[in-house]
C-alpha atoms as a PDB file:
ATOM      1  CA  MET A   1      -0.039   0.165  -0.080  1.00  0.00           C
ATOM      2  CA  THR A   2       1.437   3.449  -0.574  1.00  0.00           C
ATOM      3  CA  THR A   3       1.765   5.851   1.883  1.00  0.00           C
ATOM      4  CA  ALA A   4       0.601  10.063   1.230  1.00  0.00           C
ATOM      5  CA  PRO A   5       3.693  10.769   1.499  1.00  0.00           C
ATOM      6  CA  ASP A   6       5.289   8.257  -1.165  1.00  0.00           C
ATOM      7  CA  ARG A   7       2.468   9.468  -3.444  1.00  0.00           C
ATOM      8  CA  ILE A   8       2.470  13.010  -2.753  1.00  0.00           C
ATOM      9  CA  ARG A   9       6.792  11.852  -3.676  1.00  0.00           C
ATOM     10  CA  ASP A  10       5.595   9.900  -6.930  1.00  0.00           C
ATOM     11  CA  ILE A  11       3.738  12.444  -8.561  1.00  0.00           C
ATOM     12  CA  VAL A  12       6.302  14.831  -7.768  1.00  0.00           C
ATOM     13  CA  LEU A  13       9.245  13.155  -9.362  1.00  0.00           C
ATOM     14  CA  LEU A  14       7.233  12.657 -12.634  1.00  0.00           C
ATOM     15  CA  LEU A  15       5.903  16.194 -13.811  1.00  0.00           C
ATOM     16  CA  LEU A  16       9.009  16.653 -12.271  1.00  0.00           C
ATOM     17  CA  GLU A  17      10.599  14.099 -14.812  1.00  0.00           C
ATOM     18  CA  VAL A  18      13.512  13.493 -11.938  1.00  0.00           C
ATOM     19  CA  GLU A  19      14.803  10.184 -10.938  1.00  0.00           C
ATOM     20  CA  GLU A  20      13.781   9.664  -6.965  1.00  0.00           C
ATOM     21  CA  SER A  21      17.622  10.803  -5.871  1.00  0.00           C
ATOM     22  CA  ASP A  22      17.451  13.654  -8.041  1.00  0.00           C
ATOM     23  CA  VAL A  23      15.283  15.221  -4.915  1.00  0.00           C
ATOM     24  CA  THR A  24      15.715  15.818  -1.435  1.00  0.00           C
ATOM     25  CA  GLU A  25      12.747  16.985   1.105  1.00  0.00           C
ATOM     26  CA  THR A  26      14.292  21.016   0.473  1.00  0.00           C
ATOM     27  CA  SER A  27      15.688  20.753  -2.837  1.00  0.00           C
ATOM     28  CA  LEU A  28      13.619  23.500  -4.872  1.00  0.00           C
ATOM     29  CA  PHE A  29      11.583  22.036  -7.631  1.00  0.00           C
ATOM     30  CA  LYS A  30      12.728  25.288  -9.631  1.00  0.00           C
ATOM     31  CA  ASP A  31      15.810  23.661  -9.306  1.00  0.00           C
ATOM     32  CA  HIS A  32      14.843  20.857 -10.952  1.00  0.00           C
ATOM     33  CA  GLY A  33      13.564  23.179 -14.129  1.00  0.00           C
ATOM     34  CA  ALA A  34       9.996  23.652 -12.576  1.00  0.00           C
ATOM     35  CA  ASP A  35       8.664  26.852 -13.576  1.00  0.00           C
ATOM     36  CA  SER A  36       5.258  27.937 -12.335  1.00  0.00           C
ATOM     37  CA  MET A  37       3.276  25.899 -15.111  1.00  0.00           C
ATOM     38  CA  ARG A  38       4.947  23.293 -13.710  1.00  0.00           C
ATOM     39  CA  ILE A  39       3.539  24.083 -10.274  1.00  0.00           C
ATOM     40  CA  ILE A  40       0.213  24.119 -11.433  1.00  0.00           C
ATOM     41  CA  GLU A  41       0.292  21.176 -12.865  1.00  0.00           C
ATOM     42  CA  ILE A  42       2.022  19.685  -9.955  1.00  0.00           C
ATOM     43  CA  GLN A  43      -0.779  21.323  -7.103  1.00  0.00           C
ATOM     44  CA  ALA A  44      -3.810  20.119  -9.486  1.00  0.00           C
ATOM     45  CA  GLU A  45      -2.417  16.485  -9.866  1.00  0.00           C
ATOM     46  CA  LEU A  46      -2.348  16.434  -5.478  1.00  0.00           C
ATOM     47  CA  GLU A  47      -5.786  18.405  -5.854  1.00  0.00           C
ATOM     48  CA  ARG A  48      -7.121  15.203  -7.701  1.00  0.00           C
ATOM     49  CA  GLU A  49      -5.304  11.835  -5.917  1.00  0.00           C
ATOM     50  CA  PHE A  50      -5.863  13.372  -2.261  1.00  0.00           C
ATOM     51  CA  ASP A  51      -9.761  15.019  -3.160  1.00  0.00           C
ATOM     52  CA  ILE A  52      -8.724  18.226  -2.000  1.00  0.00           C
ATOM     53  CA  VAL A  53      -7.974  22.222  -2.690  1.00  0.00           C
ATOM     54  CA  ILE A  54      -5.086  24.391  -2.663  1.00  0.00           C
ATOM     55  CA  GLU A  55      -5.776  27.590  -1.342  1.00  0.00           C
ATOM     56  CA  LYS A  56      -3.686  30.432  -3.298  1.00  0.00           C
ATOM     57  CA  ALA A  57      -1.499  30.958  -0.641  1.00  0.00           C
ATOM     58  CA  GLU A  58      -0.954  27.268   0.276  1.00  0.00           C
ATOM     59  CA  ALA A  59       0.418  27.132  -3.212  1.00  0.00           C
ATOM     60  CA  ALA A  60       3.132  29.735  -2.503  1.00  0.00           C
ATOM     61  CA  HIS A  61       4.983  26.846  -0.633  1.00  0.00           C
ATOM     62  CA  LEU A  62       4.663  24.356  -3.346  1.00  0.00           C
ATOM     63  CA  ILE A  63       8.666  25.104  -3.170  1.00  0.00           C
ATOM     64  CA  HIS A  64      10.058  21.712  -2.657  1.00  0.00           C
ATOM     65  CA  LEU A  65       9.133  18.450  -1.557  1.00  0.00           C
ATOM     66  CA  ARG A  66       8.418  19.241   2.254  1.00  0.00           C
ATOM     67  CA  GLY A  67       6.943  22.213   1.713  1.00  0.00           C
ATOM     68  CA  ALA A  68       4.467  19.401  -0.715  1.00  0.00           C
ATOM     69  CA  ARG A  69       4.050  17.517   1.928  1.00  0.00           C
ATOM     70  CA  GLU A  70       2.761  19.644   4.564  1.00  0.00           C
ATOM     71  CA  VAL A  71       0.230  21.753   1.944  1.00  0.00           C
ATOM     72  CA  VAL A  72      -1.656  18.457   1.543  1.00  0.00           C
ATOM     73  CA  ALA A  73      -1.507  17.854   4.921  1.00  0.00           C
ATOM     74  CA  ARG A  74      -2.797  21.205   6.357  1.00  0.00           C
ATOM     75  CA  ALA A  75      -5.731  20.521   2.849  1.00  0.00           C
ATOM     76  CA  THR A  76      -6.826  17.515   3.738  1.00  0.00           C
ATOM     77  CA  ALA A  77      -6.972  19.037   7.451  1.00  0.00           C
ATOM     78  CA  ALA A  78      -8.873  21.900   6.222  1.00  0.00           C
ATOM     79  CA  THR A  79     -11.052  19.311   4.259  1.00  0.00           C
ATOM     80  CA  THR A  80     -11.618  16.878   7.097  1.00  0.00           C
ATOM     81  CA  GLU A  81     -13.064  20.315   9.394  1.00  0.00           C
ATOM     82  CA  ASN A  82     -15.399  21.526   6.878  1.00  0.00           C
ATOM     83  CA  ALA A  83     -17.079  18.331   6.911  1.00  0.00           C
ATOM     84  CA  ARG A  84     -18.080  17.868  10.075  1.00  0.00           C
END
């Protein structure tokens, strides 16, 4: 079974078109060739995969893998909270 952090990593690797060994928790997506459109693609795929909405202010934190995991965690918590 794939965990959420693993799935987030897989999405990022796929969309950045890089190998796992090329990306660290804090290596910047832009250093791997990501422009603003690629970041939007990562955001959209994360939203689809986890059935969440990533607010514009949160999207600014999609700069590295750690940031992506934190953004997904906060958006998931917000979605769960709003469902109550």
